[in-house]
All heavy atoms as atom14 arrays in JSON, in Angstrom:
{
  "sequence": "TRESTLVPIARLTTRRVVCRLRGQNDVVLADFSDDHVQAQTLTPKQKT",
  "atom14_mask": [
    [1, 1, 1, 1, 1, 1, 1, 0, 0, 0, 0, 0, 0, 0],
    [1, 1, 1, 1, 1, 1, 1, 1, 1, 1, 1, 0, 0, 0],
    [1, 1, 1, 1, 1, 1, 1, 1, 1, 0, 0, 0, 0, 0],
    [1, 1, 1, 1, 1, 1, 0, 0, 0, 0, 0, 0, 0, 0],
    [1, 1, 1, 1, 1, 1, 1, 0, 0, 0, 0, 0, 0, 0],
    [1, 1, 1, 1, 1, 1, 1, 1, 0, 0, 0, 0, 0, 0],
    [1, 1, 1, 1, 1, 1, 1, 0, 0, 0, 0, 0, 0, 0],
    [1, 1, 1, 1, 1, 1, 1, 0, 0, 0, 0, 0, 0, 0],
    [1, 1, 1, 1, 1, 1, 1, 1, 0, 0, 0, 0, 0, 0],
    [1, 1, 1, 1, 1, 0, 0, 0, 0, 0, 0, 0, 0, 0],
    [1, 1, 1, 1, 1, 1, 1, 1, 1, 1, 1, 0, 0, 0],
    [1, 1, 1, 1, 1, 1, 1, 1, 0, 0, 0, 0, 0, 0],
    [1, 1, 1, 1, 1, 1, 1, 0, 0, 0, 0, 0, 0, 0],
    [1, 1, 1, 1, 1, 1, 1, 0, 0, 0, 0, 0, 0, 0],
    [1, 1, 1, 1, 1, 1, 1, 1, 1, 1, 1, 0, 0, 0],
    [1, 1, 1, 1, 1, 1, 1, 1, 1, 1, 1, 0, 0, 0],
    [1, 1, 1, 1, 1, 1, 1, 0, 0, 0, 0, 0, 0, 0],
    [1, 1, 1, 1, 1, 1, 1, 0, 0, 0, 0, 0, 0, 0],
    [1, 1, 1, 1, 1, 1, 0, 0, 0, 0, 0, 0, 0, 0],
    [1, 1, 1, 1, 1, 1, 1, 1, 1, 1, 1, 0, 0, 0],
    [1, 1, 1, 1, 1, 1, 1, 1, 0, 0, 0, 0, 0, 0],
    [1, 1, 1, 1, 1, 1, 1, 1, 1, 1, 1, 0, 0, 0],
    [1, 1, 1, 1, 0, 0, 0, 0, 0, 0, 0, 0, 0, 0],
    [1, 1, 1, 1, 1, 1, 1, 1, 1, 0, 0, 0, 0, 0],
    [1, 1, 1, 1, 1, 1, 1, 1, 0, 0, 0, 0, 0, 0],
    [1, 1, 1, 1, 1, 1, 1, 1, 0, 0, 0, 0, 0, 0],
    [1, 1, 1, 1, 1, 1, 1, 0, 0, 0, 0, 0, 0, 0],
    [1, 1, 1, 1, 1, 1, 1, 0, 0, 0, 0, 0, 0, 0],
    [1, 1, 1, 1, 1, 1, 1, 1, 0, 0, 0, 0, 0, 0],
    [1, 1, 1, 1, 1, 0, 0, 0, 0, 0, 0, 0, 0, 0],
    [1, 1, 1, 1, 1, 1, 1, 1, 0, 0, 0, 0, 0, 0],
    [1, 1, 1, 1, 1, 1, 1, 1, 1, 1, 1, 0, 0, 0],
    [1, 1, 1, 1, 1, 1, 0, 0, 0, 0, 0, 0, 0, 0],
    [1, 1, 1, 1, 1, 1, 1, 1, 0, 0, 0, 0, 0, 0],
    [1, 1, 1, 1, 1, 1, 1, 1, 0, 0, 0, 0, 0, 0],
    [1, 1, 1, 1, 1, 1, 1, 1, 1, 1, 0, 0, 0, 0],
    [1, 1, 1, 1, 1, 1, 1, 0, 0, 0, 0, 0, 0, 0],
    [1, 1, 1, 1, 1, 1, 1, 1, 1, 0, 0, 0, 0, 0],
    [1, 1, 1, 1, 1, 0, 0, 0, 0, 0, 0, 0, 0, 0],
    [1, 1, 1, 1, 1, 1, 1, 1, 1, 0, 0, 0, 0, 0],
    [1, 1, 1, 1, 1, 1, 1, 0, 0, 0, 0, 0, 0, 0],
    [1, 1, 1, 1, 1, 1, 1, 1, 0, 0, 0, 0, 0, 0],
    [1, 1, 1, 1, 1, 1, 1, 0, 0, 0, 0, 0, 0, 0],
    [1, 1, 1, 1, 1, 1, 1, 0, 0, 0, 0, 0, 0, 0],
    [1, 1, 1, 1, 1, 1, 1, 1, 1, 0, 0, 0, 0, 0],
    [1, 1, 1, 1, 1, 1, 1, 1, 1, 0, 0, 0, 0, 0],
    [1, 1, 1, 1, 1, 1, 1, 1, 1, 0, 0, 0, 0, 0],
    [1, 1, 1, 1, 1, 1, 1, 0, 0, 0, 0, 0, 0, 0]
  ],
  "atom14_positions": [
    [[118.29, 86.74, 96.36], [119.23, 86.75, 97.49], [120.64, 86.28, 97.08], [121.62, 86.61, 97.74], [118.73, 85.86, 98.61], [118.61, 84.5, 98.16], [117.36, 86.34, 99.11], [0.0, 0.0, 0.0], [0.0, 0.0, 0.0], [0.0, 0.0, 0.0], [0.0, 0.0, 0.0], [0.0, 0.0, 0.0], [0.0, 0.0, 0.0], [0.0, 0.0, 0.0]],
    [[120.72, 85.52, 96.0], [121.99, 84.93, 95.53], [122.64, 84.16, 96.67], [122.03, 83.29, 97.24], [122.92, 86.04, 94.99], [122.31, 86.84, 93.85], [122.1, 85.97, 92.65], [121.59, 86.74, 91.53], [121.3, 86.26, 90.33], [121.54, 84.97, 90.09], [120.8, 87.0, 89.39], [0.0, 0.0, 0.0], [0.0, 0.0, 0.0], [0.0, 0.0, 0.0]],
    [[123.83, 84.51, 97.07], [124.58, 83.8, 98.09], [124.39, 84.44, 99.48], [124.95, 83.93, 100.45], [126.08, 83.7, 97.77], [126.34, 83.04, 96.43], [125.78, 81.59, 96.38], [125.9, 80.87, 97.43], [125.22, 81.21, 95.34], [0.0, 0.0, 0.0], [0.0, 0.0, 0.0], [0.0, 0.0, 0.0], [0.0, 0.0, 0.0], [0.0, 0.0, 0.0]],
    [[123.62, 85.48, 99.55], [123.46, 86.17, 100.86], [122.57, 85.37, 101.78], [121.64, 84.69, 101.38], [122.84, 87.58, 100.63], [123.68, 88.36, 99.87], [0.0, 0.0, 0.0], [0.0, 0.0, 0.0], [0.0, 0.0, 0.0], [0.0, 0.0, 0.0], [0.0, 0.0, 0.0], [0.0, 0.0, 0.0], [0.0, 0.0, 0.0], [0.0, 0.0, 0.0]],
    [[122.88, 85.46, 103.07], [122.12, 84.75, 104.07], [120.86, 85.47, 104.48], [120.85, 86.72, 104.53], [123.01, 84.57, 105.35], [124.19, 83.84, 104.98], [122.24, 83.77, 106.41], [0.0, 0.0, 0.0], [0.0, 0.0, 0.0], [0.0, 0.0, 0.0], [0.0, 0.0, 0.0], [0.0, 0.0, 0.0], [0.0, 0.0, 0.0], [0.0, 0.0, 0.0]],
    [[119.78, 84.74, 104.67], [118.54, 85.36, 105.19], [118.6, 85.44, 106.69], [118.92, 84.42, 107.37], [117.34, 84.56, 104.75], [117.0, 84.6, 103.27], [115.93, 83.6, 102.88], [116.5, 86.01, 102.88], [0.0, 0.0, 0.0], [0.0, 0.0, 0.0], [0.0, 0.0, 0.0], [0.0, 0.0, 0.0], [0.0, 0.0, 0.0], [0.0, 0.0, 0.0]],
    [[118.3, 86.6, 107.24], [118.39, 86.83, 108.69], [117.08, 87.45, 109.19], [116.34, 88.05, 108.41], [119.56, 87.74, 109.05], [120.91, 87.07, 108.68], [119.42, 89.12, 108.36], [0.0, 0.0, 0.0], [0.0, 0.0, 0.0], [0.0, 0.0, 0.0], [0.0, 0.0, 0.0], [0.0, 0.0, 0.0], [0.0, 0.0, 0.0], [0.0, 0.0, 0.0]],
    [[116.74, 87.31, 110.46], [115.55, 87.98, 111.01], [115.72, 89.49, 110.9], [116.77, 90.05, 111.33], [115.51, 87.51, 112.44], [116.32, 86.28, 112.48], [117.41, 86.48, 111.47], [0.0, 0.0, 0.0], [0.0, 0.0, 0.0], [0.0, 0.0, 0.0], [0.0, 0.0, 0.0], [0.0, 0.0, 0.0], [0.0, 0.0, 0.0], [0.0, 0.0, 0.0]],
    [[114.74, 90.18, 110.38], [114.84, 91.66, 110.26], [113.74, 92.39, 111.08], [113.91, 93.55, 111.37], [114.74, 92.1, 108.79], [113.39, 91.68, 108.19], [115.91, 91.6, 108.0], [113.04, 92.44, 106.93], [0.0, 0.0, 0.0], [0.0, 0.0, 0.0], [0.0, 0.0, 0.0], [0.0, 0.0, 0.0], [0.0, 0.0, 0.0], [0.0, 0.0, 0.0]],
    [[112.68, 91.69, 111.42], [111.62, 92.34, 112.2], [110.76, 91.26, 112.89], [110.58, 90.17, 112.37], [110.74, 93.21, 111.3], [0.0, 0.0, 0.0], [0.0, 0.0, 0.0], [0.0, 0.0, 0.0], [0.0, 0.0, 0.0], [0.0, 0.0, 0.0], [0.0, 0.0, 0.0], [0.0, 0.0, 0.0], [0.0, 0.0, 0.0], [0.0, 0.0, 0.0]],
    [[110.21, 91.66, 114.03], [109.31, 90.79, 114.8], [108.01, 91.55, 114.99], [108.02, 92.66, 115.56], [109.92, 90.4, 116.13], [109.01, 89.49, 116.99], [109.61, 89.24, 118.37], [110.81, 88.46, 118.26], [112.07, 88.98, 118.45], [112.19, 90.24, 118.77], [113.11, 88.2, 118.39], [0.0, 0.0, 0.0], [0.0, 0.0, 0.0], [0.0, 0.0, 0.0]],
    [[106.89, 91.0, 114.57], [105.6, 91.64, 114.72], [104.69, 90.86, 115.62], [104.56, 89.64, 115.46], [104.93, 91.79, 113.33], [105.21, 93.09, 112.55], [106.68, 93.2, 112.22], [104.33, 93.18, 111.3], [0.0, 0.0, 0.0], [0.0, 0.0, 0.0], [0.0, 0.0, 0.0], [0.0, 0.0, 0.0], [0.0, 0.0, 0.0], [0.0, 0.0, 0.0]],
    [[104.03, 91.54, 116.54], [103.01, 90.98, 117.38], [101.69, 91.69, 117.06], [101.66, 92.9, 117.12], [103.36, 91.18, 118.9], [104.64, 90.57, 119.17], [102.27, 90.57, 119.8], [0.0, 0.0, 0.0], [0.0, 0.0, 0.0], [0.0, 0.0, 0.0], [0.0, 0.0, 0.0], [0.0, 0.0, 0.0], [0.0, 0.0, 0.0], [0.0, 0.0, 0.0]],
    [[100.7, 90.94, 116.69], [99.47, 91.51, 116.19], [98.26, 90.96, 116.96], [98.12, 89.77, 117.1], [99.3, 91.21, 114.69], [100.41, 91.69, 113.97], [98.0, 91.86, 114.16], [0.0, 0.0, 0.0], [0.0, 0.0, 0.0], [0.0, 0.0, 0.0], [0.0, 0.0, 0.0], [0.0, 0.0, 0.0], [0.0, 0.0, 0.0], [0.0, 0.0, 0.0]],
    [[97.41, 91.89, 117.41], [96.08, 91.5, 117.89], [95.15, 91.72, 116.76], [94.89, 92.85, 116.3], [95.68, 92.32, 119.08], [94.26, 92.01, 119.57], [93.84, 92.95, 120.68], [92.46, 92.7, 121.05], [91.38, 93.21, 120.46], [91.59, 94.07, 119.46], [90.18, 92.93, 120.83], [0.0, 0.0, 0.0], [0.0, 0.0, 0.0], [0.0, 0.0, 0.0]],
    [[94.61, 90.63, 116.19], [93.76, 90.69, 114.97], [92.35, 90.33, 115.35], [92.05, 89.28, 115.97], [94.31, 89.79, 113.91], [93.32, 89.51, 112.75], [94.0, 88.83, 111.59], [94.9, 89.81, 110.89], [95.55, 89.53, 109.79], [95.49, 88.29, 109.27], [96.33, 90.45, 109.22], [0.0, 0.0, 0.0], [0.0, 0.0, 0.0], [0.0, 0.0, 0.0]],
    [[91.39, 91.19, 114.94], [89.96, 90.92, 115.07], [89.39, 90.8, 113.65], [89.49, 91.73, 112.85], [89.26, 92.05, 115.84], [87.77, 91.79, 115.88], [89.82, 92.16, 117.25], [0.0, 0.0, 0.0], [0.0, 0.0, 0.0], [0.0, 0.0, 0.0], [0.0, 0.0, 0.0], [0.0, 0.0, 0.0], [0.0, 0.0, 0.0], [0.0, 0.0, 0.0]],
    [[88.87, 89.62, 113.33], [88.4, 89.3, 111.98], [86.9, 89.25, 111.93], [86.25, 88.56, 112.75], [88.99, 87.96, 111.48], [88.53, 87.7, 110.05], [90.5, 87.97, 111.55], [0.0, 0.0, 0.0], [0.0, 0.0, 0.0], [0.0, 0.0, 0.0], [0.0, 0.0, 0.0], [0.0, 0.0, 0.0], [0.0, 0.0, 0.0], [0.0, 0.0, 0.0]],
    [[86.31, 89.97, 110.97], [84.86, 89.9, 110.69], [84.68, 89.3, 109.32], [85.22, 89.81, 108.33], [84.26, 91.27, 110.75], [84.42, 92.08, 112.35], [0.0, 0.0, 0.0], [0.0, 0.0, 0.0], [0.0, 0.0, 0.0], [0.0, 0.0, 0.0], [0.0, 0.0, 0.0], [0.0, 0.0, 0.0], [0.0, 0.0, 0.0], [0.0, 0.0, 0.0]],
    [[83.94, 88.24, 109.2], [83.72, 87.55, 107.94], [82.44, 88.06, 107.27], [81.41, 88.13, 107.93], [83.62, 86.06, 108.15], [83.31, 85.23, 106.95], [83.93, 83.85, 107.0], [85.37, 83.89, 106.72], [86.11, 82.8, 106.64], [85.56, 81.58, 106.84], [87.38, 82.89, 106.38], [0.0, 0.0, 0.0], [0.0, 0.0, 0.0], [0.0, 0.0, 0.0]],
    [[82.54, 88.46, 106.02], [81.41, 89.02, 105.26], [80.81, 87.93, 104.39], [81.5, 87.3, 103.59], [81.89, 90.19, 104.38], [82.13, 91.53, 105.03], [83.13, 91.45, 106.18], [82.63, 92.53, 104.0], [0.0, 0.0, 0.0], [0.0, 0.0, 0.0], [0.0, 0.0, 0.0], [0.0, 0.0, 0.0], [0.0, 0.0, 0.0], [0.0, 0.0, 0.0]],
    [[79.52, 87.7, 104.57], [78.8, 86.71, 103.78], [77.76, 87.34, 102.89], [77.15, 88.35, 103.25], [78.17, 85.65, 104.71], [79.19, 84.78, 105.43], [78.53, 83.62, 106.15], [79.51, 82.74, 106.81], [80.04, 81.66, 106.21], [79.69, 81.34, 104.99], [80.91, 80.92, 106.87], [0.0, 0.0, 0.0], [0.0, 0.0, 0.0], [0.0, 0.0, 0.0]],
    [[77.54, 86.69, 101.72], [76.58, 87.23, 100.78], [75.47, 86.26, 100.48], [75.09, 85.49, 101.36], [0.0, 0.0, 0.0], [0.0, 0.0, 0.0], [0.0, 0.0, 0.0], [0.0, 0.0, 0.0], [0.0, 0.0, 0.0], [0.0, 0.0, 0.0], [0.0, 0.0, 0.0], [0.0, 0.0, 0.0], [0.0, 0.0, 0.0], [0.0, 0.0, 0.0]],
    [[74.99, 86.28, 99.27], [73.86, 85.43, 98.85], [74.24, 83.98, 99.02], [75.35, 83.55, 98.74], [73.49, 85.72, 97.4], [72.21, 85.08, 96.94], [71.84, 85.54, 95.53], [72.62, 86.14, 94.8], [70.62, 85.25, 95.13], [0.0, 0.0, 0.0], [0.0, 0.0, 0.0], [0.0, 0.0, 0.0], [0.0, 0.0, 0.0], [0.0, 0.0, 0.0]],
    [[73.3, 83.18, 99.48], [73.47, 81.74, 99.76], [74.56, 81.5, 100.8], [75.17, 80.44, 100.82], [73.81, 81.02, 98.46], [72.64, 81.07, 97.43], [71.49, 81.02, 97.81], [73.02, 81.22, 96.17], [0.0, 0.0, 0.0], [0.0, 0.0, 0.0], [0.0, 0.0, 0.0], [0.0, 0.0, 0.0], [0.0, 0.0, 0.0], [0.0, 0.0, 0.0]],
    [[74.79, 82.55, 101.58], [75.77, 82.46, 102.7], [77.21, 82.26, 102.24], [78.07, 81.86, 103.01], [75.4, 81.36, 103.67], [75.59, 81.77, 105.12], [75.47, 83.0, 105.42], [75.89, 80.94, 105.97], [0.0, 0.0, 0.0], [0.0, 0.0, 0.0], [0.0, 0.0, 0.0], [0.0, 0.0, 0.0], [0.0, 0.0, 0.0], [0.0, 0.0, 0.0]],
    [[77.5, 82.58, 100.98], [78.87, 82.47, 100.45], [79.77, 83.46, 101.17], [79.34, 84.58, 101.51], [78.92, 82.69, 98.93], [78.53, 84.1, 98.58], [80.29, 82.35, 98.37], [0.0, 0.0, 0.0], [0.0, 0.0, 0.0], [0.0, 0.0, 0.0], [0.0, 0.0, 0.0], [0.0, 0.0, 0.0], [0.0, 0.0, 0.0], [0.0, 0.0, 0.0]],
    [[81.01, 83.08, 101.47], [81.98, 83.95, 102.11], [82.54, 84.89, 101.07], [83.24, 84.45, 100.12], [83.08, 83.18, 102.8], [84.1, 84.12, 103.44], [82.51, 82.22, 103.87], [0.0, 0.0, 0.0], [0.0, 0.0, 0.0], [0.0, 0.0, 0.0], [0.0, 0.0, 0.0], [0.0, 0.0, 0.0], [0.0, 0.0, 0.0], [0.0, 0.0, 0.0]],
    [[82.29, 86.16, 101.19], [82.77, 87.15, 100.24], [84.16, 87.64, 100.55], [85.05, 87.74, 99.66], [81.83, 88.34, 100.2], [80.38, 88.06, 99.82], [79.55, 89.36, 99.9], [80.28, 87.47, 98.41], [0.0, 0.0, 0.0], [0.0, 0.0, 0.0], [0.0, 0.0, 0.0], [0.0, 0.0, 0.0], [0.0, 0.0, 0.0], [0.0, 0.0, 0.0]],
    [[84.42, 87.94, 101.84], [85.72, 88.52, 102.2], [85.89, 88.45, 103.73], [84.9, 88.22, 104.44], [85.79, 89.98, 101.75], [0.0, 0.0, 0.0], [0.0, 0.0, 0.0], [0.0, 0.0, 0.0], [0.0, 0.0, 0.0], [0.0, 0.0, 0.0], [0.0, 0.0, 0.0], [0.0, 0.0, 0.0], [0.0, 0.0, 0.0], [0.0, 0.0, 0.0]],
    [[87.1, 88.64, 104.14], [87.42, 88.79, 105.57], [87.94, 90.22, 105.79], [88.81, 90.68, 105.08], [88.48, 87.78, 106.01], [87.95, 86.39, 106.15], [86.73, 86.23, 106.36], [88.74, 85.44, 105.95], [0.0, 0.0, 0.0], [0.0, 0.0, 0.0], [0.0, 0.0, 0.0], [0.0, 0.0, 0.0], [0.0, 0.0, 0.0], [0.0, 0.0, 0.0]],
    [[87.38, 90.86, 106.82], [87.84, 92.21, 107.17], [88.55, 92.1, 108.52], [87.99, 91.64, 109.49], [86.63, 93.15, 107.31], [87.03, 94.58, 107.52], [87.19, 95.48, 106.46], [87.24, 95.06, 108.81], [87.53, 96.78, 106.65], [87.62, 96.4, 109.03], [87.75, 97.24, 107.96], [0.0, 0.0, 0.0], [0.0, 0.0, 0.0], [0.0, 0.0, 0.0]],
    [[89.83, 92.49, 108.52], [90.66, 92.35, 109.74], [91.0, 93.73, 110.28], [91.35, 94.65, 109.57], [91.96, 91.61, 109.41], [91.7, 90.31, 108.94], [0.0, 0.0, 0.0], [0.0, 0.0, 0.0], [0.0, 0.0, 0.0], [0.0, 0.0, 0.0], [0.0, 0.0, 0.0], [0.0, 0.0, 0.0], [0.0, 0.0, 0.0], [0.0, 0.0, 0.0]],
    [[90.9, 93.85, 111.59], [91.3, 95.04, 112.32], [92.52, 94.68, 113.15], [92.42, 93.89, 114.1], [90.13, 95.47, 113.23], [90.43, 96.72, 114.04], [91.43, 97.41, 113.72], [89.72, 96.97, 115.02], [0.0, 0.0, 0.0], [0.0, 0.0, 0.0], [0.0, 0.0, 0.0], [0.0, 0.0, 0.0], [0.0, 0.0, 0.0], [0.0, 0.0, 0.0]],
    [[93.67, 95.19, 112.78], [94.94, 94.78, 113.38], [95.57, 95.89, 114.21], [95.74, 97.04, 113.74], [95.97, 94.39, 112.29], [95.56, 93.11, 111.57], [94.66, 92.4, 112.03], [96.15, 92.87, 110.49], [0.0, 0.0, 0.0], [0.0, 0.0, 0.0], [0.0, 0.0, 0.0], [0.0, 0.0, 0.0], [0.0, 0.0, 0.0], [0.0, 0.0, 0.0]],
    [[95.93, 95.55, 115.46], [96.74, 96.39, 116.31], [98.11, 95.74, 116.34], [98.24, 94.59, 116.81], [96.17, 96.55, 117.7], [94.93, 97.34, 117.76], [94.89, 98.65, 118.16], [93.62, 97.06, 117.48], [93.68, 99.13, 118.11], [92.89, 98.18, 117.7], [0.0, 0.0, 0.0], [0.0, 0.0, 0.0], [0.0, 0.0, 0.0], [0.0, 0.0, 0.0]],
    [[99.12, 96.44, 115.84], [100.41, 95.83, 115.57], [101.52, 96.5, 116.41], [101.58, 97.73, 116.5], [100.79, 95.94, 114.07], [102.12, 95.22, 113.82], [99.68, 95.36, 113.2], [0.0, 0.0, 0.0], [0.0, 0.0, 0.0], [0.0, 0.0, 0.0], [0.0, 0.0, 0.0], [0.0, 0.0, 0.0], [0.0, 0.0, 0.0], [0.0, 0.0, 0.0]],
    [[102.37, 95.68, 116.99], [103.6, 96.13, 117.6], [104.76, 95.53, 116.82], [104.8, 94.32, 116.65], [103.72, 95.72, 119.07], [105.06, 96.04, 119.73], [105.09, 95.62, 121.15], [104.21, 95.92, 121.93], [106.14, 94.9, 121.49], [0.0, 0.0, 0.0], [0.0, 0.0, 0.0], [0.0, 0.0, 0.0], [0.0, 0.0, 0.0], [0.0, 0.0, 0.0]],
    [[105.65, 96.35, 116.28], [106.74, 95.89, 115.45], [108.07, 96.26, 116.04], [108.25, 97.42, 116.45], [106.64, 96.47, 114.05], [0.0, 0.0, 0.0], [0.0, 0.0, 0.0], [0.0, 0.0, 0.0], [0.0, 0.0, 0.0], [0.0, 0.0, 0.0], [0.0, 0.0, 0.0], [0.0, 0.0, 0.0], [0.0, 0.0, 0.0], [0.0, 0.0, 0.0]],
    [[108.97, 95.3, 116.09], [110.33, 95.58, 116.5], [111.24, 95.29, 115.35], [111.41, 94.16, 114.91], [110.76, 94.69, 117.71], [112.16, 94.97, 118.21], [112.57, 94.0, 119.29], [112.0, 92.95, 119.44], [113.59, 94.41, 120.07], [0.0, 0.0, 0.0], [0.0, 0.0, 0.0], [0.0, 0.0, 0.0], [0.0, 0.0, 0.0], [0.0, 0.0, 0.0]],
    [[111.81, 96.35, 114.75], [112.76, 96.12, 113.66], [114.12, 95.78, 114.28], [114.52, 96.3, 115.31], [112.9, 97.42, 112.84], [113.23, 98.54, 113.67], [111.59, 97.73, 112.1], [0.0, 0.0, 0.0], [0.0, 0.0, 0.0], [0.0, 0.0, 0.0], [0.0, 0.0, 0.0], [0.0, 0.0, 0.0], [0.0, 0.0, 0.0], [0.0, 0.0, 0.0]],
    [[114.8, 94.86, 113.64], [116.07, 94.33, 114.17], [117.26, 94.82, 113.37], [118.4, 94.68, 113.85], [116.01, 92.81, 114.15], [114.78, 92.17, 114.86], [114.79, 90.66, 114.69], [114.76, 92.54, 116.33], [0.0, 0.0, 0.0], [0.0, 0.0, 0.0], [0.0, 0.0, 0.0], [0.0, 0.0, 0.0], [0.0, 0.0, 0.0], [0.0, 0.0, 0.0]],
    [[117.06, 95.35, 112.18], [118.14, 95.83, 111.36], [117.65, 97.01, 110.51], [116.47, 96.99, 110.09], [118.7, 94.7, 110.45], [119.82, 95.21, 109.69], [117.66, 94.19, 109.47], [0.0, 0.0, 0.0], [0.0, 0.0, 0.0], [0.0, 0.0, 0.0], [0.0, 0.0, 0.0], [0.0, 0.0, 0.0], [0.0, 0.0, 0.0], [0.0, 0.0, 0.0]],
    [[118.44, 98.04, 110.27], [119.84, 98.2, 110.68], [120.01, 98.52, 112.16], [121.11, 98.43, 112.67], [120.31, 99.34, 109.77], [119.06, 100.16, 109.57], [117.96, 99.16, 109.46], [0.0, 0.0, 0.0], [0.0, 0.0, 0.0], [0.0, 0.0, 0.0], [0.0, 0.0, 0.0], [0.0, 0.0, 0.0], [0.0, 0.0, 0.0], [0.0, 0.0, 0.0]],
    [[118.95, 98.96, 112.83], [119.0, 99.14, 114.26], [117.68, 98.78, 114.87], [116.62, 98.8, 114.22], [119.39, 100.59, 114.65], [118.38, 101.63, 114.14], [118.83, 103.04, 114.5], [117.85, 104.07, 114.06], [118.28, 105.44, 114.44], [0.0, 0.0, 0.0], [0.0, 0.0, 0.0], [0.0, 0.0, 0.0], [0.0, 0.0, 0.0], [0.0, 0.0, 0.0]],
    [[117.67, 98.47, 116.18], [116.44, 98.06, 116.8], [115.55, 99.27, 117.11], [116.04, 100.3, 117.58], [116.74, 97.32, 118.11], [117.34, 95.98, 117.89], [117.34, 95.11, 119.13], [116.69, 95.42, 120.14], [118.07, 93.98, 119.11], [0.0, 0.0, 0.0], [0.0, 0.0, 0.0], [0.0, 0.0, 0.0], [0.0, 0.0, 0.0], [0.0, 0.0, 0.0]],
    [[114.29, 99.11, 116.8], [113.31, 100.18, 117.05], [111.93, 99.53, 117.16], [111.59, 98.61, 116.4], [113.32, 101.19, 115.92], [112.31, 102.32, 116.03], [112.53, 103.4, 115.03], [112.49, 102.89, 113.61], [112.59, 104.01, 112.6], [0.0, 0.0, 0.0], [0.0, 0.0, 0.0], [0.0, 0.0, 0.0], [0.0, 0.0, 0.0], [0.0, 0.0, 0.0]],
    [[111.14, 99.99, 118.12], [109.81, 99.45, 118.32], [108.77, 100.52, 117.99], [108.91, 101.68, 118.4], [109.61, 99.01, 119.8], [110.57, 97.98, 120.08], [108.2, 98.42, 119.99], [0.0, 0.0, 0.0], [0.0, 0.0, 0.0], [0.0, 0.0, 0.0], [0.0, 0.0, 0.0], [0.0, 0.0, 0.0], [0.0, 0.0, 0.0], [0.0, 0.0, 0.0]]
  ]
}
């Protein structure tokens, strides 16, 4: 970024449903997420 200012560029609202996958000895292998996302970009122009 050097001397440039960091500014908000996007706002995301997410409904996330997480399913946890377990394996042998009940170890957690992975998380599987199902995301419904609404994004509002703020630059260079606003768009949802």
